[in-house]
Amino acid sequence: MRRKSTTSGMMMDYIAQALLQLMETAPFAAITVQQIAARAGVNRSTYYRHFSGKEDVLLHYLDQLMTRYEAALPAAQFAGLQPYLEAQFAFFYQYKTQLLTIYDSGQILLFLQVLNRHLRSVPDLEHANLLEKCRTAYHIGGIFNNYLLWLERRMQDSPQDMAAAAARILPQGFTPFLLR
């Protein structure tokens, strides 16, 4: 099926969904651009107009996921760490199948790239000193590793249990920089 009257963003999303569907049944390395394009209902030139490789497609998907997260859960609405963490884990739990597919394919480090891109772009960090930049990098690494642990455990732990465990290990009075 060829797609007409679609925006560039829609085409990119079709391609990302097609790749994720193919990854559910085939190894990432074995999936071809031709297969992705056919599943997405686009031609190869459309694929290459938007992406240079399969990793770029996954980066796009994860970037869109983070953008949706930021729009759905503005930090200002949370009264503290525990509700913030619960909402965060609950949001990503909605995408369990896709995240586990990316994890199983060995491409989960792309999520760390997206976390870095989004969380380091907080306006206050542009002019922050080295100490604050190190704190941010440490915080992002902790977030990623908690998600990695959750994925390793096949996301069997509830978002509430993950949030409670993460909150317990943080120092008393800790405030994530997105809540400041």
N, C-alpha and C. Protein backbone atom coordinates (compact mmCIF):
# COMPACT_ATOMS: atom_id res chain seq x y z
N MET A 1 0.85 -1.16 0.00
CA MET A 1 0.00 0.00 0.00
C MET A 1 0.90 1.24 0.00
N ARG A 2 0.71 2.10 -0.94
CA ARG A 2 1.45 3.35 -1.01
C ARG A 2 0.68 4.43 -0.27
N ARG A 3 1.40 5.30 0.37
CA ARG A 3 0.76 6.34 1.18
C ARG A 3 0.81 7.66 0.43
N LYS A 4 -0.30 8.35 0.43
CA LYS A 4 -0.39 9.65 -0.22
C LYS A 4 -0.97 10.65 0.77
N SER A 5 -0.78 11.93 0.51
CA SER A 5 -1.32 13.01 1.34
C SER A 5 -0.88 12.87 2.80
N THR A 6 0.38 12.58 2.99
CA THR A 6 0.90 12.45 4.34
C THR A 6 2.03 13.45 4.56
N THR A 7 2.22 13.80 5.80
CA THR A 7 3.30 14.72 6.14
C THR A 7 4.61 13.94 6.31
N SER A 8 5.67 14.66 6.36
CA SER A 8 6.98 14.06 6.58
C SER A 8 7.03 13.33 7.92
N GLY A 9 6.45 13.94 8.94
CA GLY A 9 6.41 13.31 10.26
C GLY A 9 5.62 12.02 10.26
N MET A 10 4.51 12.02 9.52
CA MET A 10 3.71 10.79 9.43
C MET A 10 4.51 9.69 8.74
N MET A 11 5.22 10.04 7.68
CA MET A 11 6.04 9.04 6.97
C MET A 11 7.09 8.45 7.91
N MET A 12 7.73 9.31 8.68
CA MET A 12 8.75 8.84 9.61
C MET A 12 8.14 7.90 10.65
N ASP A 13 6.95 8.24 11.12
CA ASP A 13 6.28 7.38 12.10
C ASP A 13 5.87 6.04 11.49
N TYR A 14 5.40 6.05 10.25
CA TYR A 14 5.05 4.79 9.57
C TYR A 14 6.28 3.89 9.45
N ILE A 15 7.39 4.50 9.10
CA ILE A 15 8.64 3.74 8.94
C ILE A 15 9.07 3.16 10.29
N ALA A 16 8.99 3.98 11.35
CA ALA A 16 9.38 3.50 12.68
C ALA A 16 8.48 2.35 13.13
N GLN A 17 7.19 2.48 12.94
CA GLN A 17 6.27 1.41 13.33
C GLN A 17 6.55 0.14 12.53
N ALA A 18 6.85 0.29 11.26
CA ALA A 18 7.16 -0.87 10.41
C ALA A 18 8.40 -1.58 10.93
N LEU A 19 9.44 -0.83 11.25
CA LEU A 19 10.66 -1.45 11.77
C LEU A 19 10.39 -2.18 13.08
N LEU A 20 9.66 -1.55 13.99
CA LEU A 20 9.35 -2.19 15.27
C LEU A 20 8.55 -3.48 15.07
N GLN A 21 7.62 -3.48 14.13
CA GLN A 21 6.86 -4.69 13.85
C GLN A 21 7.76 -5.79 13.30
N LEU A 22 8.66 -5.44 12.41
CA LEU A 22 9.57 -6.42 11.85
C LEU A 22 10.53 -6.97 12.91
N MET A 23 10.92 -6.11 13.85
CA MET A 23 11.84 -6.53 14.91
C MET A 23 11.22 -7.55 15.86
N GLU A 24 9.91 -7.62 15.89
CA GLU A 24 9.24 -8.59 16.75
C GLU A 24 9.43 -10.02 16.25
N THR A 25 9.76 -10.16 14.95
CA THR A 25 9.87 -11.51 14.39
C THR A 25 11.21 -11.80 13.72
N ALA A 26 12.05 -10.79 13.57
CA ALA A 26 13.33 -11.00 12.88
C ALA A 26 14.43 -10.27 13.62
N PRO A 27 15.65 -10.80 13.56
CA PRO A 27 16.79 -10.09 14.18
C PRO A 27 17.01 -8.73 13.52
N PHE A 28 17.38 -7.75 14.33
CA PHE A 28 17.59 -6.38 13.84
C PHE A 28 18.53 -6.36 12.63
N ALA A 29 19.64 -7.07 12.73
CA ALA A 29 20.65 -7.06 11.66
C ALA A 29 20.13 -7.66 10.36
N ALA A 30 19.14 -8.54 10.44
CA ALA A 30 18.63 -9.21 9.24
C ALA A 30 17.56 -8.40 8.52
N ILE A 31 17.03 -7.38 9.15
CA ILE A 31 15.94 -6.59 8.55
C ILE A 31 16.53 -5.64 7.51
N THR A 32 15.94 -5.64 6.33
CA THR A 32 16.43 -4.79 5.24
C THR A 32 15.58 -3.54 5.09
N VAL A 33 16.17 -2.55 4.44
CA VAL A 33 15.44 -1.32 4.14
C VAL A 33 14.25 -1.63 3.26
N GLN A 34 14.43 -2.55 2.31
CA GLN A 34 13.33 -2.93 1.43
C GLN A 34 12.15 -3.49 2.24
N GLN A 35 12.43 -4.32 3.23
CA GLN A 35 11.37 -4.87 4.07
C GLN A 35 10.67 -3.78 4.87
N ILE A 36 11.45 -2.86 5.41
CA ILE A 36 10.87 -1.76 6.19
C ILE A 36 9.98 -0.90 5.30
N ALA A 37 10.50 -0.52 4.14
CA ALA A 37 9.74 0.33 3.22
C ALA A 37 8.44 -0.36 2.78
N ALA A 38 8.53 -1.63 2.46
CA ALA A 38 7.34 -2.37 2.03
C ALA A 38 6.31 -2.41 3.16
N ARG A 39 6.75 -2.71 4.37
CA ARG A 39 5.82 -2.78 5.51
C ARG A 39 5.20 -1.42 5.79
N ALA A 40 5.99 -0.35 5.62
CA ALA A 40 5.50 1.01 5.89
C ALA A 40 4.64 1.56 4.77
N GLY A 41 4.68 0.93 3.60
CA GLY A 41 3.91 1.43 2.47
C GLY A 41 4.54 2.64 1.82
N VAL A 42 5.88 2.70 1.86
CA VAL A 42 6.62 3.79 1.24
C VAL A 42 7.69 3.19 0.33
N ASN A 43 8.30 4.02 -0.50
CA ASN A 43 9.39 3.49 -1.32
C ASN A 43 10.73 3.77 -0.65
N ARG A 44 11.78 3.13 -1.17
CA ARG A 44 13.11 3.26 -0.58
C ARG A 44 13.59 4.70 -0.55
N SER A 45 13.27 5.46 -1.57
CA SER A 45 13.73 6.85 -1.59
C SER A 45 13.10 7.66 -0.46
N THR A 46 11.86 7.36 -0.11
CA THR A 46 11.22 8.02 1.02
C THR A 46 11.94 7.65 2.31
N TYR A 47 12.27 6.38 2.45
CA TYR A 47 13.03 5.94 3.63
C TYR A 47 14.33 6.73 3.73
N TYR A 48 15.10 6.77 2.65
CA TYR A 48 16.41 7.44 2.69
C TYR A 48 16.30 8.96 2.75
N ARG A 49 15.16 9.51 2.38
CA ARG A 49 14.96 10.94 2.51
C ARG A 49 14.91 11.33 4.00
N HIS A 50 14.46 10.40 4.83
CA HIS A 50 14.28 10.68 6.25
C HIS A 50 15.32 10.05 7.17
N PHE A 51 15.89 8.93 6.75
CA PHE A 51 16.79 8.19 7.63
C PHE A 51 18.01 7.69 6.88
N SER A 52 19.13 7.64 7.59
CA SER A 52 20.34 7.10 6.97
C SER A 52 20.57 5.64 7.35
N GLY A 53 19.82 5.15 8.33
CA GLY A 53 19.97 3.76 8.74
C GLY A 53 18.90 3.38 9.75
N LYS A 54 18.88 2.10 10.09
CA LYS A 54 17.86 1.59 11.02
C LYS A 54 17.99 2.21 12.40
N GLU A 55 19.21 2.49 12.83
CA GLU A 55 19.41 3.12 14.13
C GLU A 55 18.74 4.49 14.17
N ASP A 56 18.83 5.22 13.06
CA ASP A 56 18.16 6.53 12.98
C ASP A 56 16.66 6.40 13.14
N VAL A 57 16.10 5.33 12.60
CA VAL A 57 14.66 5.10 12.73
C VAL A 57 14.31 4.90 14.20
N LEU A 58 15.09 4.08 14.90
CA LEU A 58 14.83 3.85 16.32
C LEU A 58 15.05 5.12 17.14
N LEU A 59 16.07 5.90 16.79
CA LEU A 59 16.29 7.17 17.48
C LEU A 59 15.08 8.08 17.31
N HIS A 60 14.54 8.11 16.11
CA HIS A 60 13.33 8.91 15.86
C HIS A 60 12.18 8.43 16.75
N TYR A 61 11.97 7.13 16.79
CA TYR A 61 10.88 6.58 17.60
C TYR A 61 11.07 6.95 19.08
N LEU A 62 12.25 6.72 19.60
CA LEU A 62 12.52 7.01 21.01
C LEU A 62 12.45 8.51 21.31
N ASP A 63 12.89 9.32 20.36
CA ASP A 63 12.81 10.77 20.53
C ASP A 63 11.34 11.21 20.59
N GLN A 64 10.51 10.65 19.73
CA GLN A 64 9.09 10.96 19.76
C GLN A 64 8.45 10.51 21.07
N LEU A 65 8.89 9.35 21.55
CA LEU A 65 8.39 8.83 22.83
C LEU A 65 8.74 9.80 23.97
N MET A 66 9.98 10.26 23.99
CA MET A 66 10.41 11.22 25.04
C MET A 66 9.64 12.52 24.92
N THR A 67 9.40 12.98 23.71
CA THR A 67 8.65 14.21 23.50
C THR A 67 7.23 14.05 24.03
N ARG A 68 6.61 12.90 23.77
CA ARG A 68 5.27 12.64 24.30
C ARG A 68 5.29 12.59 25.82
N TYR A 69 6.34 11.97 26.38
CA TYR A 69 6.48 11.92 27.84
C TYR A 69 6.54 13.34 28.41
N GLU A 70 7.38 14.17 27.85
CA GLU A 70 7.54 15.54 28.36
C GLU A 70 6.25 16.33 28.25
N ALA A 71 5.48 16.10 27.19
CA ALA A 71 4.22 16.82 27.01
C ALA A 71 3.14 16.29 27.96
N ALA A 72 3.13 14.99 28.19
CA ALA A 72 2.09 14.37 29.02
C ALA A 72 2.32 14.58 30.51
N LEU A 73 3.57 14.72 30.91
CA LEU A 73 3.89 14.78 32.33
C LEU A 73 4.76 15.98 32.67
N PRO A 74 4.22 17.17 32.54
CA PRO A 74 5.05 18.32 32.92
C PRO A 74 5.45 18.23 34.39
N ALA A 75 6.70 18.47 34.65
CA ALA A 75 7.26 18.29 35.99
C ALA A 75 6.56 19.12 37.06
N ALA A 76 6.03 20.26 36.72
CA ALA A 76 5.43 21.15 37.71
C ALA A 76 4.22 20.55 38.41
N GLN A 77 3.60 19.53 37.85
CA GLN A 77 2.38 18.98 38.44
C GLN A 77 2.65 18.03 39.61
N PHE A 78 3.89 17.72 39.90
CA PHE A 78 4.19 16.72 40.92
C PHE A 78 4.56 17.37 42.24
N ALA A 79 4.03 16.79 43.32
CA ALA A 79 4.27 17.31 44.66
C ALA A 79 5.55 16.77 45.26
N GLY A 80 6.16 15.78 44.63
CA GLY A 80 7.37 15.23 45.20
C GLY A 80 7.96 14.14 44.33
N LEU A 81 9.00 13.54 44.85
CA LEU A 81 9.76 12.55 44.11
C LEU A 81 8.96 11.29 43.78
N GLN A 82 8.28 10.73 44.77
CA GLN A 82 7.56 9.47 44.56
C GLN A 82 6.49 9.58 43.46
N PRO A 83 5.62 10.58 43.49
CA PRO A 83 4.63 10.68 42.41
C PRO A 83 5.27 10.92 41.04
N TYR A 84 6.35 11.69 41.03
CA TYR A 84 7.08 11.94 39.79
C TYR A 84 7.61 10.64 39.20
N LEU A 85 8.27 9.83 40.03
CA LEU A 85 8.82 8.57 39.56
C LEU A 85 7.73 7.59 39.14
N GLU A 86 6.65 7.53 39.88
CA GLU A 86 5.54 6.65 39.51
C GLU A 86 4.96 7.02 38.16
N ALA A 87 4.76 8.30 37.93
CA ALA A 87 4.22 8.76 36.65
C ALA A 87 5.20 8.44 35.51
N GLN A 88 6.46 8.61 35.78
CA GLN A 88 7.48 8.33 34.77
C GLN A 88 7.47 6.86 34.38
N PHE A 89 7.53 5.97 35.36
CA PHE A 89 7.53 4.53 35.06
C PHE A 89 6.19 4.12 34.42
N ALA A 90 5.08 4.67 34.89
CA ALA A 90 3.77 4.33 34.32
C ALA A 90 3.68 4.75 32.86
N PHE A 91 4.23 5.91 32.54
CA PHE A 91 4.20 6.35 31.14
C PHE A 91 4.93 5.36 30.25
N PHE A 92 6.14 5.00 30.62
CA PHE A 92 6.93 4.11 29.77
C PHE A 92 6.41 2.67 29.77
N TYR A 93 5.68 2.30 30.81
CA TYR A 93 5.09 0.97 30.85
C TYR A 93 4.07 0.78 29.73
N GLN A 94 3.45 1.86 29.31
CA GLN A 94 2.50 1.80 28.19
C GLN A 94 3.15 1.31 26.90
N TYR A 95 4.47 1.45 26.81
CA TYR A 95 5.22 1.09 25.61
C TYR A 95 6.08 -0.14 25.85
N LYS A 96 5.61 -1.00 26.73
CA LYS A 96 6.35 -2.19 27.13
C LYS A 96 6.78 -3.03 25.93
N THR A 97 5.87 -3.34 25.05
CA THR A 97 6.20 -4.20 23.90
C THR A 97 7.29 -3.58 23.05
N GLN A 98 7.17 -2.30 22.74
CA GLN A 98 8.15 -1.63 21.89
C GLN A 98 9.51 -1.53 22.59
N LEU A 99 9.50 -1.17 23.87
CA LEU A 99 10.77 -1.03 24.59
C LEU A 99 11.46 -2.38 24.76
N LEU A 100 10.71 -3.42 25.05
CA LEU A 100 11.32 -4.74 25.15
C LEU A 100 11.84 -5.22 23.80
N THR A 101 11.16 -4.87 22.73
CA THR A 101 11.63 -5.22 21.38
C THR A 101 12.97 -4.54 21.10
N ILE A 102 13.07 -3.27 21.45
CA ILE A 102 14.32 -2.53 21.24
C ILE A 102 15.42 -3.11 22.14
N TYR A 103 15.09 -3.42 23.38
CA TYR A 103 16.05 -4.02 24.30
C TYR A 103 16.52 -5.37 23.77
N ASP A 104 15.60 -6.22 23.37
CA ASP A 104 15.94 -7.56 22.88
C ASP A 104 16.80 -7.52 21.62
N SER A 105 16.67 -6.45 20.86
CA SER A 105 17.45 -6.33 19.62
C SER A 105 18.88 -5.83 19.87
N GLY A 106 19.18 -5.48 21.12
CA GLY A 106 20.51 -4.97 21.44
C GLY A 106 20.69 -3.49 21.11
N GLN A 107 19.60 -2.77 20.94
CA GLN A 107 19.67 -1.36 20.54
C GLN A 107 19.25 -0.39 21.65
N ILE A 108 19.18 -0.87 22.89
CA ILE A 108 18.66 -0.03 23.97
C ILE A 108 19.58 1.14 24.31
N LEU A 109 20.86 1.07 23.96
CA LEU A 109 21.73 2.22 24.21
C LEU A 109 21.27 3.47 23.46
N LEU A 110 20.48 3.29 22.43
CA LEU A 110 19.91 4.44 21.73
C LEU A 110 19.01 5.25 22.67
N PHE A 111 18.38 4.57 23.62
CA PHE A 111 17.54 5.27 24.60
C PHE A 111 18.39 6.19 25.48
N LEU A 112 19.60 5.77 25.80
CA LEU A 112 20.50 6.63 26.57
C LEU A 112 20.84 7.89 25.78
N GLN A 113 21.08 7.75 24.48
CA GLN A 113 21.34 8.92 23.64
C GLN A 113 20.16 9.90 23.69
N VAL A 114 18.95 9.36 23.62
CA VAL A 114 17.76 10.21 23.63
C VAL A 114 17.59 10.87 25.00
N LEU A 115 17.80 10.12 26.07
CA LEU A 115 17.73 10.71 27.41
C LEU A 115 18.73 11.86 27.54
N ASN A 116 19.95 11.65 27.08
CA ASN A 116 20.96 12.70 27.15
C ASN A 116 20.53 13.92 26.34
N ARG A 117 20.03 13.70 25.16
CA ARG A 117 19.62 14.81 24.30
C ARG A 117 18.50 15.62 24.95
N HIS A 118 17.52 14.94 25.51
CA HIS A 118 16.38 15.64 26.10
C HIS A 118 16.70 16.25 27.45
N LEU A 119 17.36 15.51 28.30
CA LEU A 119 17.56 15.98 29.67
C LEU A 119 18.72 16.96 29.80
N ARG A 120 19.65 16.92 28.88
CA ARG A 120 20.74 17.90 28.92
C ARG A 120 20.35 19.19 28.23
N SER A 121 19.19 19.22 27.61
CA SER A 121 18.76 20.43 26.91
C SER A 121 17.95 21.36 27.80
N VAL A 122 17.86 21.04 29.09
CA VAL A 122 17.16 21.91 30.03
C VAL A 122 17.88 23.27 30.01
N PRO A 123 17.14 24.36 29.79
CA PRO A 123 17.78 25.68 29.62
C PRO A 123 18.78 26.06 30.70
N ASP A 124 18.51 25.76 31.96
CA ASP A 124 19.43 26.15 33.04
C ASP A 124 20.79 25.47 32.92
N LEU A 125 20.86 24.35 32.22
CA LEU A 125 22.12 23.62 32.13
C LEU A 125 23.10 24.19 31.11
N GLU A 126 22.60 25.00 30.20
CA GLU A 126 23.49 25.57 29.17
C GLU A 126 24.64 26.35 29.79
N HIS A 127 24.37 27.05 30.87
CA HIS A 127 25.39 27.89 31.50
C HIS A 127 25.81 27.36 32.87
N ALA A 128 25.50 26.11 33.13
CA ALA A 128 25.83 25.51 34.42
C ALA A 128 27.33 25.27 34.54
N ASN A 129 27.79 25.20 35.78
CA ASN A 129 29.20 24.91 36.01
C ASN A 129 29.45 23.40 35.86
N LEU A 130 30.70 23.02 35.94
CA LEU A 130 31.08 21.62 35.75
C LEU A 130 30.41 20.71 36.77
N LEU A 131 30.34 21.12 38.01
CA LEU A 131 29.73 20.30 39.05
C LEU A 131 28.27 20.00 38.71
N GLU A 132 27.53 21.01 38.31
CA GLU A 132 26.11 20.80 37.97
C GLU A 132 25.97 19.92 36.72
N LYS A 133 26.87 20.06 35.77
CA LYS A 133 26.83 19.21 34.57
C LYS A 133 27.16 17.76 34.94
N CYS A 134 28.08 17.57 35.87
CA CYS A 134 28.39 16.21 36.34
C CYS A 134 27.20 15.60 37.07
N ARG A 135 26.54 16.40 37.90
CA ARG A 135 25.33 15.92 38.60
C ARG A 135 24.27 15.47 37.58
N THR A 136 24.11 16.27 36.55
CA THR A 136 23.12 15.94 35.52
C THR A 136 23.49 14.65 34.81
N ALA A 137 24.74 14.51 34.43
CA ALA A 137 25.18 13.29 33.75
C ALA A 137 24.98 12.07 34.65
N TYR A 138 25.28 12.21 35.93
CA TYR A 138 25.11 11.13 36.90
C TYR A 138 23.63 10.77 37.02
N HIS A 139 22.79 11.77 37.08
CA HIS A 139 21.35 11.58 37.20
C HIS A 139 20.80 10.86 35.97
N ILE A 140 21.21 11.28 34.79
CA ILE A 140 20.76 10.64 33.55
C ILE A 140 21.20 9.18 33.51
N GLY A 141 22.44 8.93 33.92
CA GLY A 141 22.92 7.55 33.96
C GLY A 141 22.11 6.70 34.91
N GLY A 142 21.72 7.26 36.04
CA GLY A 142 20.88 6.54 37.00
C GLY A 142 19.51 6.23 36.42
N ILE A 143 18.92 7.20 35.75
CA ILE A 143 17.61 6.99 35.12
C ILE A 143 17.72 5.86 34.11
N PHE A 144 18.73 5.93 33.24
CA PHE A 144 18.89 4.91 32.21
C PHE A 144 19.09 3.53 32.84
N ASN A 145 19.93 3.44 33.84
CA ASN A 145 20.22 2.14 34.44
C ASN A 145 19.02 1.55 35.18
N ASN A 146 18.18 2.40 35.75
CA ASN A 146 16.94 1.89 36.34
C ASN A 146 16.03 1.31 35.25
N TYR A 147 15.93 2.00 34.11
CA TYR A 147 15.14 1.46 33.01
C TYR A 147 15.78 0.18 32.46
N LEU A 148 17.08 0.15 32.38
CA LEU A 148 17.77 -1.04 31.90
C LEU A 148 17.49 -2.24 32.82
N LEU A 149 17.57 -2.02 34.12
CA LEU A 149 17.25 -3.07 35.08
C LEU A 149 15.81 -3.56 34.89
N TRP A 150 14.90 -2.63 34.73
CA TRP A 150 13.49 -2.96 34.53
C TRP A 150 13.30 -3.80 33.26
N LEU A 151 13.98 -3.41 32.20
CA LEU A 151 13.90 -4.17 30.94
C LEU A 151 14.53 -5.55 31.09
N GLU A 152 15.65 -5.63 31.78
CA GLU A 152 16.28 -6.94 32.03
C GLU A 152 15.32 -7.86 32.77
N ARG A 153 14.50 -7.28 33.65
CA ARG A 153 13.53 -8.04 34.41
C ARG A 153 12.20 -8.17 33.65
N ARG A 154 12.22 -7.85 32.36
CA ARG A 154 11.07 -7.97 31.46
C ARG A 154 9.90 -7.08 31.91
N MET A 155 10.21 -6.00 32.62
CA MET A 155 9.23 -5.04 33.11
C MET A 155 8.15 -5.73 33.94
N GLN A 156 8.54 -6.78 34.65
CA GLN A 156 7.59 -7.52 35.48
C GLN A 156 7.22 -6.76 36.75
N ASP A 157 8.11 -5.86 37.19
CA ASP A 157 7.82 -5.05 38.38
C ASP A 157 6.88 -3.92 37.98
N SER A 158 5.92 -3.63 38.82
CA SER A 158 4.96 -2.56 38.51
C SER A 158 5.67 -1.21 38.51
N PRO A 159 5.10 -0.24 37.81
CA PRO A 159 5.67 1.12 37.88
C PRO A 159 5.76 1.63 39.31
N GLN A 160 4.78 1.27 40.15
CA GLN A 160 4.79 1.73 41.54
C GLN A 160 5.96 1.10 42.31
N ASP A 161 6.20 -0.20 42.07
CA ASP A 161 7.32 -0.87 42.75
C ASP A 161 8.66 -0.31 42.28
N MET A 162 8.79 -0.03 41.00
CA MET A 162 10.04 0.55 40.48
C MET A 162 10.27 1.93 41.07
N ALA A 163 9.20 2.73 41.12
CA ALA A 163 9.33 4.08 41.67
C ALA A 163 9.70 4.04 43.15
N ALA A 164 9.07 3.13 43.90
CA ALA A 164 9.37 3.03 45.33
C ALA A 164 10.82 2.62 45.56
N ALA A 165 11.31 1.67 44.77
CA ALA A 165 12.70 1.23 44.92
C ALA A 165 13.67 2.35 44.55
N ALA A 166 13.40 3.02 43.45
CA ALA A 166 14.28 4.12 43.02
C ALA A 166 14.27 5.25 44.05
N ALA A 167 13.11 5.57 44.58
CA ALA A 167 13.01 6.66 45.56
C ALA A 167 13.76 6.32 46.85
N ARG A 168 13.75 5.05 47.25
CA ARG A 168 14.42 4.65 48.49
C ARG A 168 15.94 4.78 48.43
N ILE A 169 16.51 4.64 47.26
CA ILE A 169 17.98 4.70 47.18
C ILE A 169 18.51 6.11 47.01
N LEU A 170 17.64 7.04 46.69
CA LEU A 170 18.07 8.42 46.51
C LEU A 170 18.28 9.08 47.87
N PRO A 171 19.22 10.01 47.96
CA PRO A 171 19.48 10.67 49.25
C PRO A 171 18.26 11.44 49.75
N GLN A 172 18.14 11.55 51.05
CA GLN A 172 17.05 12.30 51.68
C GLN A 172 17.03 13.72 51.12
N GLY A 173 15.87 14.20 50.71
CA GLY A 173 15.74 15.55 50.19
C GLY A 173 16.14 15.71 48.74
N PHE A 174 16.47 14.61 48.06
CA PHE A 174 16.87 14.68 46.65
C PHE A 174 15.70 15.19 45.80
N THR A 175 16.01 16.11 44.90
CA THR A 175 15.02 16.61 43.96
C THR A 175 15.58 16.48 42.55
N PRO A 176 14.93 15.71 41.68
CA PRO A 176 15.41 15.63 40.30
C PRO A 176 15.42 17.02 39.68
N PHE A 177 16.40 17.26 38.83
CA PHE A 177 16.53 18.62 38.30
C PHE A 177 15.34 19.05 37.46
N LEU A 178 14.55 18.09 36.97
CA LEU A 178 13.35 18.46 36.21
C LEU A 178 12.24 18.96 37.12
N LEU A 179 12.35 18.71 38.43
CA LEU A 179 11.36 19.19 39.38
C LEU A 179 11.78 20.49 40.05
N ARG A 180 12.97 20.95 39.79
CA ARG A 180 13.47 22.17 40.44
C ARG A 180 12.85 23.41 39.86
